[in-house]
Amino acid sequence: MKLRAAGLTEWGVVPPTQAPPSQQLPAVQKLRVRFAKRGRLRFTSHRDFQRVFERAVRRAGLPVAFSHGFSPHPKISYAGAAPTGAASEAEYLEISLTSERDPEQVRRALDEALPDGLDILEVVVAGPGSLADRLEASEWEIRLPQADPEAVASAAEVFLARDEVTVERMTKRGMRSFDCRAAVLRLTPGLAEAAAEPSLERCAILQVVVRHGTPTVRPDDVLAGVLDVAALKVTSPALLTRLAQGPLDEVTGTVDDPLVRDRDATQATATEPVDAHETHPAEGDAAAPSAP
């Protein structure tokens, strides 16, 4: 179980009390974080995770930067959150710090401060560009316990043959109808082997790649469309897991890793030669007059 010693952080000190807004330091480092939602924690709502993560940041003693204004808040941004009830291996967020920290130490500190099932998988220094803009598509696994794999495969074929499949979903503004077919780039049926997973005997699987857009097409929307076009009934709740989220390869229909550019930028910076005798004045220093 991931538990931290009372009051201690990765760096062995008591987390400092957060400074008042007027004394906040500027952000000097932005980190990008990939984390997972597993097991029962898949039922954690996005708002609940935000609260849990902010507490974990405090327990880990991270020098998080705050926004300015009347009601300052931690500079933490979330991108492409999975719907409540879905597990995920590819959730992302960004956090800004007022002093530089080693990404691997940050990963360990946050992972220990979070409960089992909310797991920090990777932390990298943010490179140029927007993380949200890179999250173009998601790959999902939909498990259907006790469903007939042949019937599910036939339903998937019918779904892919359609140009449009309309589904309904209850939203904050009421019931909404929209097409879920256009966003589906790849839909592959499969079967979980009972020998490998006895608890999921005769479990049909759908692997689906969904393009992000407006309205957002979720994996449960795709499943509803697949079942509807074939009038197929399932008796057990589906298990939804996001396997990947990132840039879309239009040719292959696969989802790439959104943090590749950040790793490349960090490695390039680390390998740049440094001339110990060369100094660069800070911006504005060259124009400053010399003292009399």
Protein backbone atom coordinates (compact mmCIF):
# COMPACT_ATOMS: atom_id res chain seq x y z
CA MET A 1 0.00 0.00 0.00
CA LYS A 2 1.27 3.45 -0.91
CA LEU A 3 1.51 5.34 2.37
CA ARG A 4 3.85 8.22 3.26
CA ALA A 5 5.41 8.81 6.65
CA ALA A 6 3.49 11.54 8.46
CA GLY A 7 4.65 14.91 7.26
CA LEU A 8 7.61 13.61 5.27
CA THR A 9 8.25 14.07 1.57
CA GLU A 10 10.49 12.54 -1.08
CA TRP A 11 13.15 15.02 0.01
CA GLY A 12 12.84 14.16 3.72
CA VAL A 13 11.35 17.42 4.98
CA VAL A 14 8.03 18.55 6.33
CA PRO A 15 5.88 20.09 3.55
CA PRO A 16 6.03 23.87 3.97
CA THR A 17 2.89 25.86 4.54
CA GLN A 18 1.72 27.38 1.26
CA ALA A 19 2.70 31.03 1.00
CA PRO A 20 -0.01 33.69 0.78
CA PRO A 21 -1.03 34.64 -2.79
CA SER A 22 0.90 37.94 -2.59
CA GLN A 23 4.12 36.00 -1.97
CA GLN A 24 3.68 33.40 -4.69
CA LEU A 25 6.74 32.70 -6.79
CA PRO A 26 6.51 32.43 -10.58
CA ALA A 27 6.41 29.03 -12.25
CA VAL A 28 9.84 27.93 -13.51
CA GLN A 29 9.10 24.31 -14.50
CA LYS A 30 6.14 22.57 -16.08
CA LEU A 31 5.82 18.79 -15.76
CA ARG A 32 3.56 16.46 -17.72
CA VAL A 33 2.18 13.45 -15.88
CA ARG A 34 0.71 10.18 -17.14
CA PHE A 35 -1.34 8.27 -14.62
CA ALA A 36 -3.70 5.30 -14.44
CA LYS A 37 -7.13 4.70 -12.92
CA ARG A 38 -7.49 1.04 -11.97
CA GLY A 39 -9.77 -1.28 -10.06
CA ARG A 40 -12.45 0.36 -7.94
CA LEU A 41 -10.82 3.77 -8.43
CA ARG A 42 -12.24 3.81 -11.96
CA PHE A 43 -15.46 5.00 -10.34
CA THR A 44 -13.68 8.16 -9.14
CA SER A 45 -15.19 11.21 -10.80
CA HIS A 46 -12.95 13.81 -12.40
CA ARG A 47 -13.79 16.34 -9.68
CA ASP A 48 -13.00 13.82 -6.93
CA PHE A 49 -9.66 13.02 -8.58
CA GLN A 50 -8.80 16.72 -8.70
CA ARG A 51 -9.28 16.99 -4.95
CA VAL A 52 -7.31 13.81 -4.26
CA PHE A 53 -4.45 14.89 -6.52
CA GLU A 54 -4.16 18.34 -4.95
CA ARG A 55 -3.91 16.70 -1.52
CA ALA A 56 -1.23 14.36 -2.89
CA VAL A 57 0.73 17.37 -4.18
CA ARG A 58 0.68 18.86 -0.69
CA ARG A 59 1.71 15.57 0.94
CA ALA A 60 4.56 15.19 -1.54
CA GLY A 61 5.80 18.68 -0.67
CA LEU A 62 5.88 19.86 -4.26
CA PRO A 63 6.34 23.63 -4.74
CA VAL A 64 3.27 24.02 -6.92
CA ALA A 65 2.71 27.41 -8.55
CA PHE A 66 -0.57 29.27 -8.03
CA SER A 67 -2.60 31.46 -10.31
CA HIS A 68 -3.01 35.16 -9.53
CA GLY A 69 -6.17 37.01 -8.87
CA PHE A 70 -8.89 37.10 -6.22
CA SER A 71 -9.09 33.31 -5.82
CA PRO A 72 -5.66 31.72 -6.53
CA HIS A 73 -5.66 28.03 -7.39
CA PRO A 74 -2.89 25.50 -8.10
CA LYS A 75 -1.60 25.56 -11.65
CA ILE A 76 -2.68 22.04 -12.53
CA SER A 77 -4.45 21.37 -15.83
CA TYR A 78 -6.15 18.14 -16.87
CA ALA A 79 -6.58 16.92 -20.43
CA GLY A 80 -8.93 14.34 -21.91
CA ALA A 81 -10.31 12.84 -18.69
CA ALA A 82 -11.93 9.40 -18.96
CA PRO A 83 -15.64 9.13 -18.06
CA THR A 84 -16.56 7.99 -14.56
CA GLY A 85 -16.65 4.20 -14.38
CA ALA A 86 -13.99 3.66 -17.03
CA ALA A 87 -10.49 2.46 -16.17
CA SER A 88 -7.53 4.04 -17.94
CA GLU A 89 -3.83 3.53 -18.52
CA ALA A 90 -3.43 6.87 -20.28
CA GLU A 91 -4.67 9.88 -18.30
CA TYR A 92 -2.67 13.11 -18.50
CA LEU A 93 -2.21 16.33 -16.57
CA GLU A 94 0.26 19.22 -16.33
CA ILE A 95 1.58 20.81 -13.15
CA SER A 96 3.68 23.97 -12.81
CA LEU A 97 6.31 24.28 -10.06
CA THR A 98 8.09 27.29 -8.58
CA SER A 99 11.42 25.43 -8.41
CA GLU A 100 12.85 22.65 -10.53
CA ARG A 101 12.48 19.04 -9.42
CA ASP A 102 13.75 15.76 -10.81
CA PRO A 103 10.82 14.18 -12.75
CA GLU A 104 11.47 10.66 -11.44
CA GLN A 105 11.54 11.87 -7.84
CA VAL A 106 8.28 13.71 -8.44
CA ARG A 107 6.77 10.53 -9.90
CA ARG A 108 7.73 8.47 -6.86
CA ALA A 109 6.57 11.11 -4.38
CA LEU A 110 3.16 11.54 -6.02
CA ASP A 111 2.68 7.80 -6.49
CA GLU A 112 3.29 7.17 -2.79
CA ALA A 113 0.91 9.97 -1.80
CA LEU A 114 -1.98 8.60 -3.90
CA PRO A 115 -4.13 5.57 -3.03
CA ASP A 116 -3.70 2.23 -4.78
CA GLY A 117 -5.53 2.36 -8.08
CA LEU A 118 -4.46 5.92 -8.86
CA ASP A 119 -0.95 5.24 -10.09
CA ILE A 120 1.59 7.71 -11.47
CA LEU A 121 3.22 6.03 -14.46
CA GLU A 122 5.50 8.71 -15.88
CA VAL A 123 6.57 12.32 -15.33
CA VAL A 124 8.48 14.34 -17.93
CA VAL A 125 9.55 17.95 -18.29
CA ALA A 126 7.14 19.69 -20.66
CA GLY A 127 8.54 20.60 -24.04
CA PRO A 128 7.15 23.19 -26.46
CA GLY A 129 3.62 22.89 -27.74
CA SER A 130 0.26 22.14 -26.18
CA LEU A 131 -0.41 18.75 -24.60
CA ALA A 132 -4.16 19.04 -25.19
CA ASP A 133 -3.60 19.54 -28.92
CA ARG A 134 -1.73 16.22 -29.09
CA LEU A 135 -4.62 14.22 -27.65
CA GLU A 136 -6.38 13.57 -30.93
CA ALA A 137 -7.73 10.05 -30.35
CA SER A 138 -8.06 7.25 -27.81
CA GLU A 139 -7.79 3.49 -28.00
CA TRP A 140 -10.28 1.63 -25.82
CA GLU A 141 -10.81 -1.96 -24.79
CA ILE A 142 -14.44 -2.94 -24.17
CA ARG A 143 -14.89 -6.25 -22.34
CA LEU A 144 -18.28 -7.93 -22.42
CA PRO A 145 -18.37 -10.75 -19.83
CA GLN A 146 -20.62 -13.70 -20.73
CA ALA A 147 -21.36 -12.24 -24.17
CA ASP A 148 -21.20 -14.49 -27.22
CA PRO A 149 -18.00 -13.51 -29.11
CA GLU A 150 -19.40 -14.57 -32.48
CA ALA A 151 -22.53 -12.48 -32.02
CA VAL A 152 -20.47 -9.47 -30.91
CA ALA A 153 -18.15 -9.85 -33.93
CA SER A 154 -21.16 -9.95 -36.27
CA ALA A 155 -22.61 -6.85 -34.63
CA ALA A 156 -19.28 -5.04 -35.09
CA GLU A 157 -19.34 -5.86 -38.82
CA VAL A 158 -22.84 -4.44 -39.15
CA PHE A 159 -21.76 -1.29 -37.29
CA LEU A 160 -18.73 -0.73 -39.53
CA ALA A 161 -20.86 -1.18 -42.65
CA ARG A 162 -23.07 1.75 -41.66
CA ASP A 163 -22.30 5.32 -42.68
CA GLU A 164 -24.10 6.68 -39.62
CA VAL A 165 -25.23 5.22 -36.30
CA THR A 166 -27.30 7.50 -34.08
CA VAL A 167 -27.22 7.00 -30.31
CA GLU A 168 -28.68 8.90 -27.37
CA ARG A 169 -27.06 9.96 -24.13
CA MET A 170 -28.31 11.93 -21.17
CA THR A 171 -26.29 15.13 -20.73
CA LYS A 172 -26.52 18.14 -18.41
CA ARG A 173 -28.81 19.73 -20.98
CA GLY A 174 -31.05 16.71 -21.32
CA MET A 175 -31.19 13.80 -23.76
CA ARG A 176 -28.98 14.31 -26.81
CA SER A 177 -28.85 12.37 -30.09
CA PHE A 178 -25.68 12.23 -32.19
CA ASP A 179 -23.80 10.07 -34.69
CA CYS A 180 -21.19 7.80 -33.09
CA ARG A 181 -20.05 6.06 -36.29
CA ALA A 182 -17.97 8.83 -37.89
CA ALA A 183 -15.59 9.04 -34.90
CA VAL A 184 -14.77 5.32 -34.96
CA LEU A 185 -11.57 4.74 -36.95
CA ARG A 186 -11.00 1.12 -36.05
CA LEU A 187 -13.19 -1.54 -34.41
CA THR A 188 -11.74 -5.02 -33.88
CA PRO A 189 -13.57 -7.86 -32.09
CA GLY A 190 -11.66 -10.40 -30.00
CA LEU A 191 -11.94 -13.02 -27.28
CA ALA A 192 -10.39 -13.27 -23.80
CA GLU A 193 -8.99 -16.75 -23.35
CA ALA A 194 -10.53 -18.52 -20.36
CA ALA A 195 -7.24 -20.26 -19.63
CA ALA A 196 -5.54 -16.90 -19.14
CA GLU A 197 -8.43 -15.25 -17.30
CA PRO A 198 -10.74 -17.81 -15.64
CA SER A 199 -12.88 -15.07 -14.08
CA LEU A 200 -13.78 -13.76 -17.54
CA GLU A 201 -14.81 -17.01 -19.17
CA ARG A 202 -16.23 -16.50 -22.64
CA CYS A 203 -15.59 -12.76 -22.55
CA ALA A 204 -15.97 -10.92 -25.83
CA ILE A 205 -13.67 -7.97 -26.45
CA LEU A 206 -13.93 -4.94 -28.71
CA GLN A 207 -10.82 -2.86 -29.45
CA VAL A 208 -11.86 0.55 -30.70
CA VAL A 209 -10.00 3.69 -31.76
CA VAL A 210 -12.11 6.83 -31.42
CA ARG A 211 -11.24 10.25 -32.76
CA HIS A 212 -11.72 13.11 -30.29
CA GLY A 213 -14.15 15.77 -31.39
CA THR A 214 -17.41 17.55 -30.68
CA PRO A 215 -19.63 16.02 -29.50
CA THR A 216 -17.32 13.68 -27.59
CA VAL A 217 -17.93 10.06 -28.55
CA ARG A 218 -17.27 7.79 -25.57
CA PRO A 219 -16.66 4.04 -25.62
CA ASP A 220 -20.08 3.38 -24.09
CA ASP A 221 -21.61 5.34 -26.99
CA VAL A 222 -19.83 3.05 -29.46
CA LEU A 223 -20.97 -0.03 -27.55
CA ALA A 224 -24.55 1.25 -27.53
CA GLY A 225 -24.36 1.72 -31.29
CA VAL A 226 -22.89 -1.75 -31.89
CA LEU A 227 -25.58 -3.43 -29.80
CA ASP A 228 -28.37 -1.35 -31.32
CA VAL A 229 -27.62 -2.01 -35.00
CA ALA A 230 -27.68 -5.79 -34.39
CA ALA A 231 -30.42 -5.78 -31.72
CA LEU A 232 -27.94 -7.58 -29.48
CA LYS A 233 -28.54 -7.90 -25.75
CA VAL A 234 -25.84 -8.22 -23.07
CA THR A 235 -26.54 -9.29 -19.49
CA SER A 236 -23.38 -8.14 -17.70
CA PRO A 237 -21.97 -4.61 -17.40
CA ALA A 238 -19.21 -3.79 -19.86
CA LEU A 239 -15.68 -3.14 -18.57
CA LEU A 240 -14.15 -0.11 -20.28
CA THR A 241 -10.40 0.58 -20.26
CA ARG A 242 -8.53 3.30 -22.11
CA LEU A 243 -5.28 1.80 -23.37
CA ALA A 244 -3.79 4.83 -25.11
CA GLN A 245 -4.47 8.51 -25.79
CA GLY A 246 -2.46 10.77 -28.03
CA PRO A 247 -1.68 11.82 -31.62
CA LEU A 248 -3.55 9.94 -34.32
CA ASP A 249 -1.74 8.17 -37.14
CA GLU A 250 -4.21 8.68 -39.99
CA VAL A 251 -2.58 5.98 -42.15
CA THR A 252 -2.60 3.12 -39.65
CA GLY A 253 -5.43 4.27 -37.43
CA THR A 254 -3.25 3.87 -34.34
CA VAL A 255 -2.71 6.18 -31.36
CA ASP A 256 0.84 7.37 -30.67
CA ASP A 257 2.54 8.43 -27.43
CA PRO A 258 1.94 12.16 -26.72
CA LEU A 259 5.05 12.49 -24.53
CA VAL A 260 7.60 11.49 -27.18
CA ARG A 261 8.39 15.10 -28.09
CA ASP A 262 8.91 16.01 -24.44
CA ARG A 263 11.36 13.15 -23.90
CA ASP A 264 13.22 14.09 -27.09
CA ALA A 265 13.43 17.75 -26.04
CA THR A 266 14.75 16.79 -22.59
CA GLN A 267 17.39 14.48 -24.06
CA ALA A 268 18.48 17.12 -26.57
CA THR A 269 18.89 19.68 -23.79
CA ALA A 270 20.85 17.24 -21.64
CA THR A 271 23.32 16.47 -24.46
CA GLU A 272 23.96 20.09 -25.52
CA PRO A 273 27.60 21.11 -24.85
CA VAL A 274 28.08 23.82 -22.25
CA ASP A 275 30.98 26.29 -22.40
CA ALA A 276 31.99 26.99 -18.81
CA HIS A 277 33.75 30.26 -19.84
CA GLU A 278 30.79 31.67 -21.75
CA THR A 279 28.31 33.80 -19.87
CA HIS A 280 25.09 35.36 -21.07
CA PRO A 281 23.61 38.44 -19.41
CA ALA A 282 19.99 38.27 -18.42
CA GLU A 283 17.52 40.01 -20.67
CA GLY A 284 17.86 43.76 -20.22
CA ASP A 285 21.30 43.65 -18.56
CA ALA A 286 23.14 44.82 -21.70
CA ALA A 287 21.17 48.08 -21.74
CA ALA A 288 21.69 48.81 -18.04
CA PRO A 289 24.07 51.73 -17.41
CA SER A 290 27.19 51.10 -15.39
CA ALA A 291 27.45 52.54 -11.88
CA PRO A 292 29.36 55.87 -11.69
